[in-house]
Amino acid sequence: MATSLFRVKVLSKQDNTVRLRLRIITGEQTEFPSSHYFALMVLYDSVDFGRIRAPLADAMTIDNVIDREWLDDNVDRFIQSVSLSEVVNLPVRADLESMSSAERRRFWRGADAPHATLEITVAAPQWIEHIRKGGEWESRAYDP
């Protein structure tokens, strides 16, 4: 999937657990997945390739992230648990159809866009070593 679906912000990180604020940034996305697969994809999207060394990037490739068989065999090596909470503004109540393109862009960037908290506990702290509180990125993660 080429289009970013979420804006992610790191709310906190402690030991093996990271709390993320997910904000839907496109009308193509209608829910907040909370599977282990989705969590691994979100974390993989956080790797800033070429700028820092991240053990997660050394342990897997983009091809692995989209390979359901590989995910089935390996996701538990990385993800211990996932929980979704504080879901806000979902379902979308705004009349997006009547908005101009500019108004829709503002909507998806604003406080009325759907957002939620995703807490991910990884199997080892090295998998989130590269993540810092306050860090942000866009994610193409989905639930296969």
N, C-alpha and C. Protein backbone atom coordinates (compact mmCIF):
# COMPACT_ATOMS: atom_id res chain seq x y z
N MET A 1 0.85 -1.17 0.00
CA MET A 1 0.00 0.00 0.00
C MET A 1 0.90 1.23 0.00
N ALA A 2 0.68 2.14 -0.92
CA ALA A 2 1.57 3.28 -1.10
C ALA A 2 1.11 4.52 -0.33
N THR A 3 -0.16 4.67 -0.07
CA THR A 3 -0.69 5.86 0.57
C THR A 3 -0.57 5.77 2.08
N SER A 4 -0.10 6.82 2.70
CA SER A 4 -0.08 6.86 4.17
C SER A 4 -1.51 6.95 4.67
N LEU A 5 -1.79 6.18 5.70
CA LEU A 5 -3.14 6.11 6.27
C LEU A 5 -3.23 6.76 7.64
N PHE A 6 -2.09 6.81 8.35
CA PHE A 6 -2.07 7.30 9.72
C PHE A 6 -0.92 8.26 9.93
N ARG A 7 -1.13 9.20 10.83
CA ARG A 7 -0.06 10.02 11.40
C ARG A 7 0.14 9.46 12.80
N VAL A 8 1.38 9.18 13.15
CA VAL A 8 1.70 8.53 14.41
C VAL A 8 2.57 9.46 15.25
N LYS A 9 2.26 9.58 16.52
CA LYS A 9 3.08 10.37 17.45
C LYS A 9 3.34 9.52 18.69
N VAL A 10 4.57 9.51 19.15
CA VAL A 10 4.96 8.74 20.33
C VAL A 10 4.58 9.54 21.58
N LEU A 11 3.66 8.98 22.36
CA LEU A 11 3.23 9.63 23.60
C LEU A 11 4.17 9.29 24.75
N SER A 12 4.59 8.02 24.80
CA SER A 12 5.51 7.60 25.85
C SER A 12 6.21 6.31 25.44
N LYS A 13 7.32 6.07 26.09
CA LYS A 13 8.07 4.84 25.87
C LYS A 13 8.73 4.47 27.19
N GLN A 14 8.50 3.24 27.61
CA GLN A 14 9.12 2.76 28.84
C GLN A 14 9.39 1.27 28.70
N ASP A 15 10.63 0.90 28.91
CA ASP A 15 11.05 -0.50 28.82
C ASP A 15 10.64 -1.09 27.46
N ASN A 16 9.73 -2.05 27.47
CA ASN A 16 9.31 -2.74 26.24
C ASN A 16 8.01 -2.19 25.67
N THR A 17 7.52 -1.09 26.21
CA THR A 17 6.19 -0.60 25.82
C THR A 17 6.27 0.82 25.26
N VAL A 18 5.54 1.01 24.18
CA VAL A 18 5.42 2.33 23.57
C VAL A 18 3.93 2.64 23.42
N ARG A 19 3.56 3.88 23.76
CA ARG A 19 2.18 4.36 23.58
C ARG A 19 2.19 5.36 22.44
N LEU A 20 1.33 5.12 21.47
CA LEU A 20 1.29 5.94 20.26
C LEU A 20 -0.08 6.57 20.09
N ARG A 21 -0.10 7.80 19.59
CA ARG A 21 -1.36 8.43 19.16
C ARG A 21 -1.44 8.23 17.67
N LEU A 22 -2.49 7.55 17.22
CA LEU A 22 -2.74 7.35 15.79
C LEU A 22 -3.83 8.31 15.36
N ARG A 23 -3.62 8.99 14.25
CA ARG A 23 -4.65 9.85 13.67
C ARG A 23 -4.86 9.42 12.23
N ILE A 24 -6.08 9.10 11.89
CA ILE A 24 -6.40 8.75 10.50
C ILE A 24 -6.23 10.02 9.66
N ILE A 25 -5.56 9.87 8.51
CA ILE A 25 -5.28 11.05 7.69
C ILE A 25 -5.87 10.95 6.28
N THR A 26 -6.73 9.98 6.06
CA THR A 26 -7.36 9.84 4.75
C THR A 26 -8.70 9.13 4.89
N GLY A 27 -9.62 9.49 4.01
CA GLY A 27 -10.93 8.86 4.00
C GLY A 27 -10.89 7.40 3.57
N GLU A 28 -9.74 6.95 3.06
CA GLU A 28 -9.59 5.55 2.68
C GLU A 28 -9.54 4.63 3.89
N GLN A 29 -9.22 5.18 5.06
CA GLN A 29 -9.09 4.38 6.28
C GLN A 29 -10.32 4.61 7.15
N THR A 30 -11.01 3.53 7.54
CA THR A 30 -12.27 3.67 8.27
C THR A 30 -12.23 3.12 9.69
N GLU A 31 -11.08 2.58 10.12
CA GLU A 31 -11.00 2.00 11.46
C GLU A 31 -9.56 2.04 11.98
N PHE A 32 -9.41 1.68 13.24
CA PHE A 32 -8.10 1.55 13.87
C PHE A 32 -7.86 0.08 14.14
N PRO A 33 -7.06 -0.58 13.33
CA PRO A 33 -6.73 -1.98 13.61
C PRO A 33 -5.92 -2.09 14.90
N SER A 34 -5.93 -3.26 15.51
CA SER A 34 -5.14 -3.45 16.72
C SER A 34 -4.51 -4.84 16.77
N SER A 35 -4.28 -5.42 15.62
CA SER A 35 -3.66 -6.74 15.57
C SER A 35 -2.15 -6.64 15.77
N HIS A 36 -1.53 -7.74 16.08
CA HIS A 36 -0.07 -7.79 16.19
C HIS A 36 0.58 -7.44 14.85
N TYR A 37 -0.03 -7.88 13.75
CA TYR A 37 0.50 -7.58 12.41
C TYR A 37 0.54 -6.07 12.18
N PHE A 38 -0.59 -5.43 12.47
CA PHE A 38 -0.69 -3.98 12.29
C PHE A 38 0.36 -3.27 13.15
N ALA A 39 0.49 -3.67 14.40
CA ALA A 39 1.46 -3.04 15.31
C ALA A 39 2.88 -3.16 14.76
N LEU A 40 3.23 -4.33 14.25
CA LEU A 40 4.57 -4.51 13.70
C LEU A 40 4.79 -3.60 12.49
N MET A 41 3.78 -3.47 11.65
CA MET A 41 3.90 -2.58 10.49
C MET A 41 4.08 -1.12 10.92
N VAL A 42 3.32 -0.69 11.92
CA VAL A 42 3.46 0.68 12.42
C VAL A 42 4.87 0.92 12.92
N LEU A 43 5.39 -0.03 13.70
CA LEU A 43 6.75 0.13 14.22
C LEU A 43 7.78 0.11 13.09
N TYR A 44 7.57 -0.74 12.11
CA TYR A 44 8.52 -0.80 10.99
C TYR A 44 8.51 0.51 10.21
N ASP A 45 7.35 1.13 10.07
CA ASP A 45 7.27 2.42 9.38
C ASP A 45 8.01 3.52 10.13
N SER A 46 8.29 3.31 11.42
CA SER A 46 8.98 4.34 12.21
C SER A 46 10.48 4.39 11.95
N VAL A 47 11.00 3.38 11.29
CA VAL A 47 12.44 3.33 11.03
C VAL A 47 12.80 4.39 9.99
N ASP A 48 13.71 5.24 10.35
CA ASP A 48 14.17 6.30 9.45
C ASP A 48 15.39 5.75 8.70
N PHE A 49 15.13 5.04 7.63
CA PHE A 49 16.18 4.31 6.91
C PHE A 49 17.30 5.23 6.47
N GLY A 50 18.52 4.78 6.75
CA GLY A 50 19.69 5.52 6.34
C GLY A 50 20.17 6.57 7.33
N ARG A 51 19.35 6.93 8.30
CA ARG A 51 19.73 7.97 9.25
C ARG A 51 20.21 7.41 10.58
N ILE A 52 19.58 6.35 11.03
CA ILE A 52 19.97 5.74 12.29
C ILE A 52 19.98 4.23 12.13
N ARG A 53 20.69 3.57 13.01
CA ARG A 53 20.70 2.11 13.00
C ARG A 53 19.54 1.65 13.88
N ALA A 54 18.72 0.77 13.36
CA ALA A 54 17.59 0.25 14.10
C ALA A 54 17.60 -1.28 14.02
N PRO A 55 17.72 -1.96 15.14
CA PRO A 55 17.69 -3.42 15.12
C PRO A 55 16.46 -3.99 14.40
N LEU A 56 15.34 -3.30 14.49
CA LEU A 56 14.13 -3.78 13.81
C LEU A 56 14.36 -3.84 12.30
N ALA A 57 15.02 -2.84 11.75
CA ALA A 57 15.30 -2.82 10.31
C ALA A 57 16.31 -3.88 9.92
N ASP A 58 17.20 -4.24 10.85
CA ASP A 58 18.17 -5.30 10.58
C ASP A 58 17.52 -6.68 10.62
N ALA A 59 16.42 -6.80 11.37
CA ALA A 59 15.79 -8.10 11.59
C ALA A 59 14.74 -8.47 10.54
N MET A 60 14.30 -7.49 9.74
CA MET A 60 13.26 -7.75 8.76
C MET A 60 13.37 -6.78 7.59
N THR A 61 12.62 -7.07 6.53
CA THR A 61 12.62 -6.23 5.34
C THR A 61 11.20 -5.78 5.02
N ILE A 62 11.06 -4.86 4.11
CA ILE A 62 9.73 -4.43 3.67
C ILE A 62 8.97 -5.60 3.06
N ASP A 63 9.67 -6.49 2.38
CA ASP A 63 9.00 -7.67 1.81
C ASP A 63 8.42 -8.54 2.91
N ASN A 64 9.13 -8.66 4.05
CA ASN A 64 8.61 -9.44 5.18
C ASN A 64 7.33 -8.83 5.72
N VAL A 65 7.30 -7.51 5.81
CA VAL A 65 6.16 -6.80 6.40
C VAL A 65 4.86 -7.08 5.65
N ILE A 66 4.94 -7.31 4.35
CA ILE A 66 3.73 -7.54 3.57
C ILE A 66 3.52 -9.00 3.19
N ASP A 67 4.34 -9.89 3.73
CA ASP A 67 4.24 -11.32 3.46
C ASP A 67 3.49 -12.00 4.60
N ARG A 68 2.23 -12.36 4.38
CA ARG A 68 1.39 -12.92 5.44
C ARG A 68 1.99 -14.19 6.03
N GLU A 69 2.58 -15.03 5.23
CA GLU A 69 3.18 -16.26 5.74
C GLU A 69 4.35 -15.94 6.68
N TRP A 70 5.21 -15.00 6.27
CA TRP A 70 6.33 -14.59 7.12
C TRP A 70 5.80 -13.99 8.42
N LEU A 71 4.78 -13.13 8.31
CA LEU A 71 4.19 -12.53 9.50
C LEU A 71 3.64 -13.60 10.45
N ASP A 72 2.91 -14.57 9.90
CA ASP A 72 2.37 -15.65 10.74
C ASP A 72 3.48 -16.38 11.50
N ASP A 73 4.61 -16.60 10.82
CA ASP A 73 5.72 -17.33 11.42
C ASP A 73 6.56 -16.49 12.39
N ASN A 74 6.54 -15.16 12.25
CA ASN A 74 7.51 -14.33 12.97
C ASN A 74 6.95 -13.22 13.85
N VAL A 75 5.71 -12.85 13.72
CA VAL A 75 5.21 -11.66 14.42
C VAL A 75 5.41 -11.77 15.94
N ASP A 76 5.30 -12.97 16.49
CA ASP A 76 5.45 -13.13 17.94
C ASP A 76 6.90 -12.93 18.41
N ARG A 77 7.85 -12.98 17.51
CA ARG A 77 9.24 -12.64 17.87
C ARG A 77 9.37 -11.17 18.22
N PHE A 78 8.46 -10.36 17.69
CA PHE A 78 8.55 -8.91 17.84
C PHE A 78 7.48 -8.33 18.78
N ILE A 79 6.26 -8.77 18.63
CA ILE A 79 5.13 -8.15 19.34
C ILE A 79 4.60 -9.08 20.42
N GLN A 80 4.54 -8.55 21.65
CA GLN A 80 4.01 -9.32 22.77
C GLN A 80 2.52 -9.05 22.98
N SER A 81 2.15 -7.76 22.97
CA SER A 81 0.73 -7.42 23.15
C SER A 81 0.44 -6.06 22.52
N VAL A 82 -0.85 -5.87 22.23
CA VAL A 82 -1.32 -4.63 21.62
C VAL A 82 -2.68 -4.29 22.23
N SER A 83 -2.87 -3.02 22.56
CA SER A 83 -4.20 -2.61 23.01
C SER A 83 -4.53 -1.25 22.41
N LEU A 84 -5.78 -1.10 22.06
CA LEU A 84 -6.31 0.13 21.47
C LEU A 84 -7.24 0.77 22.48
N SER A 85 -7.11 2.07 22.69
CA SER A 85 -7.99 2.77 23.63
C SER A 85 -8.21 4.21 23.16
N GLU A 86 -9.06 4.91 23.86
CA GLU A 86 -9.31 6.32 23.63
C GLU A 86 -9.61 6.65 22.16
N VAL A 87 -10.48 5.86 21.56
CA VAL A 87 -10.88 6.11 20.17
C VAL A 87 -11.84 7.30 20.17
N VAL A 88 -11.51 8.32 19.37
CA VAL A 88 -12.27 9.56 19.33
C VAL A 88 -12.64 9.88 17.88
N ASN A 89 -13.84 10.41 17.69
CA ASN A 89 -14.33 10.89 16.38
C ASN A 89 -14.50 9.78 15.35
N LEU A 90 -14.82 8.59 15.81
CA LEU A 90 -15.07 7.48 14.89
C LEU A 90 -16.38 6.83 15.29
N PRO A 91 -17.33 6.71 14.38
CA PRO A 91 -17.21 7.00 12.96
C PRO A 91 -17.19 8.50 12.67
N VAL A 92 -16.68 8.82 11.50
CA VAL A 92 -16.61 10.21 11.07
C VAL A 92 -18.02 10.72 10.86
N ARG A 93 -18.33 11.84 11.47
CA ARG A 93 -19.67 12.43 11.35
C ARG A 93 -19.69 13.61 10.39
N ALA A 94 -18.54 14.10 10.00
CA ALA A 94 -18.46 15.24 9.08
C ALA A 94 -18.95 14.81 7.70
N ASP A 95 -19.56 15.73 7.00
CA ASP A 95 -20.03 15.48 5.64
C ASP A 95 -18.87 15.75 4.67
N LEU A 96 -18.01 14.76 4.53
CA LEU A 96 -16.82 14.92 3.70
C LEU A 96 -17.17 15.11 2.23
N GLU A 97 -18.27 14.53 1.79
CA GLU A 97 -18.69 14.64 0.39
C GLU A 97 -18.97 16.09 -0.02
N SER A 98 -19.47 16.88 0.92
CA SER A 98 -19.81 18.27 0.57
C SER A 98 -18.62 19.22 0.72
N MET A 99 -17.49 18.71 1.21
CA MET A 99 -16.32 19.56 1.41
C MET A 99 -15.48 19.67 0.13
N SER A 100 -14.82 20.79 -0.01
CA SER A 100 -13.86 20.94 -1.10
C SER A 100 -12.62 20.12 -0.75
N SER A 101 -11.73 19.95 -1.71
CA SER A 101 -10.48 19.21 -1.46
C SER A 101 -9.68 19.85 -0.34
N ALA A 102 -9.60 21.17 -0.35
CA ALA A 102 -8.85 21.89 0.69
C ALA A 102 -9.49 21.69 2.06
N GLU A 103 -10.82 21.71 2.12
CA GLU A 103 -11.51 21.51 3.39
C GLU A 103 -11.29 20.09 3.92
N ARG A 104 -11.30 19.11 3.02
CA ARG A 104 -11.04 17.73 3.44
C ARG A 104 -9.61 17.58 3.96
N ARG A 105 -8.64 18.19 3.30
CA ARG A 105 -7.25 18.14 3.78
C ARG A 105 -7.14 18.74 5.18
N ARG A 106 -7.80 19.89 5.39
CA ARG A 106 -7.79 20.52 6.72
C ARG A 106 -8.46 19.61 7.76
N PHE A 107 -9.56 18.99 7.36
CA PHE A 107 -10.25 18.08 8.28
C PHE A 107 -9.33 16.96 8.74
N TRP A 108 -8.64 16.29 7.81
CA TRP A 108 -7.78 15.16 8.17
C TRP A 108 -6.56 15.58 8.97
N ARG A 109 -6.20 16.86 8.94
CA ARG A 109 -5.07 17.35 9.74
C ARG A 109 -5.51 17.94 11.07
N GLY A 110 -6.82 18.11 11.26
CA GLY A 110 -7.33 18.81 12.44
C GLY A 110 -7.78 17.91 13.57
N ALA A 111 -8.28 18.55 14.62
CA ALA A 111 -8.70 17.87 15.84
C ALA A 111 -9.94 17.01 15.65
N ASP A 112 -10.71 17.25 14.58
CA ASP A 112 -11.92 16.46 14.37
C ASP A 112 -11.66 15.15 13.65
N ALA A 113 -10.45 14.95 13.16
CA ALA A 113 -10.11 13.67 12.51
C ALA A 113 -10.09 12.57 13.57
N PRO A 114 -10.45 11.35 13.19
CA PRO A 114 -10.42 10.24 14.15
C PRO A 114 -9.01 10.00 14.68
N HIS A 115 -8.92 9.78 15.99
CA HIS A 115 -7.63 9.44 16.58
C HIS A 115 -7.85 8.47 17.74
N ALA A 116 -6.78 7.77 18.09
CA ALA A 116 -6.85 6.75 19.13
C ALA A 116 -5.45 6.54 19.70
N THR A 117 -5.40 5.84 20.82
CA THR A 117 -4.12 5.48 21.44
C THR A 117 -3.88 3.99 21.22
N LEU A 118 -2.70 3.67 20.74
CA LEU A 118 -2.29 2.29 20.52
C LEU A 118 -1.09 2.02 21.42
N GLU A 119 -1.23 1.05 22.30
CA GLU A 119 -0.13 0.66 23.17
C GLU A 119 0.43 -0.67 22.69
N ILE A 120 1.73 -0.68 22.44
CA ILE A 120 2.39 -1.88 21.91
C ILE A 120 3.49 -2.28 22.89
N THR A 121 3.45 -3.54 23.31
CA THR A 121 4.53 -4.10 24.11
C THR A 121 5.28 -5.08 23.21
N VAL A 122 6.56 -4.83 23.07
CA VAL A 122 7.39 -5.66 22.20
C VAL A 122 8.06 -6.77 23.02
N ALA A 123 8.51 -7.79 22.32
CA ALA A 123 9.12 -8.94 22.97
C ALA A 123 10.50 -8.62 23.55
N ALA A 124 11.16 -7.60 23.01
CA ALA A 124 12.48 -7.19 23.49
C ALA A 124 12.63 -5.69 23.25
N PRO A 125 13.27 -4.97 24.16
CA PRO A 125 13.37 -3.50 24.01
C PRO A 125 14.11 -3.05 22.77
N GLN A 126 14.94 -3.90 22.19
CA GLN A 126 15.69 -3.51 20.99
C GLN A 126 14.76 -3.18 19.82
N TRP A 127 13.56 -3.74 19.80
CA TRP A 127 12.65 -3.51 18.67
C TRP A 127 12.10 -2.09 18.65
N ILE A 128 12.18 -1.39 19.78
CA ILE A 128 11.73 0.01 19.81
C ILE A 128 12.86 0.95 20.23
N GLU A 129 14.07 0.46 20.16
CA GLU A 129 15.25 1.24 20.54
C GLU A 129 15.35 2.57 19.80
N HIS A 130 14.95 2.61 18.55
CA HIS A 130 15.07 3.80 17.71
C HIS A 130 13.96 4.82 17.93
N ILE A 131 12.95 4.48 18.69
CA ILE A 131 11.78 5.34 18.88
C ILE A 131 12.00 6.26 20.07
N ARG A 132 11.65 7.53 19.91
CA ARG A 132 11.80 8.53 20.96
C ARG A 132 10.45 9.20 21.26
N LYS A 133 10.22 9.51 22.53
CA LYS A 133 9.02 10.24 22.91
C LYS A 133 8.93 11.53 22.11
N GLY A 134 7.76 11.81 21.58
CA GLY A 134 7.55 13.01 20.76
C GLY A 134 7.82 12.78 19.29
N GLY A 135 8.45 11.65 18.94
CA GLY A 135 8.72 11.35 17.54
C GLY A 135 7.43 11.19 16.75
N GLU A 136 7.48 11.51 15.47
CA GLU A 136 6.30 11.41 14.60
C GLU A 136 6.69 10.84 13.25
N TRP A 137 5.75 10.13 12.63
CA TRP A 137 5.93 9.62 11.29
C TRP A 137 4.57 9.28 10.70
N GLU A 138 4.54 9.09 9.40
CA GLU A 138 3.33 8.62 8.73
C GLU A 138 3.47 7.12 8.50
N SER A 139 2.34 6.44 8.53
CA SER A 139 2.35 4.99 8.39
C SER A 139 1.37 4.53 7.33
N ARG A 140 1.78 3.53 6.60
CA ARG A 140 0.94 2.87 5.61
C ARG A 140 0.41 1.55 6.16
N ALA A 141 0.56 1.33 7.46
CA ALA A 141 0.20 0.06 8.08
C ALA A 141 -1.28 -0.26 7.88
N TYR A 142 -1.54 -1.54 7.75
CA TYR A 142 -2.91 -2.04 7.61
C TYR A 142 -2.96 -3.41 8.28
N ASP A 143 -4.13 -3.95 8.43
CA ASP A 143 -4.28 -5.27 9.04
C ASP A 143 -4.52 -6.29 7.93
N PRO A 144 -3.49 -7.10 7.65
CA PRO A 144 -3.64 -8.07 6.54
C PRO A 144 -4.63 -9.17 6.88
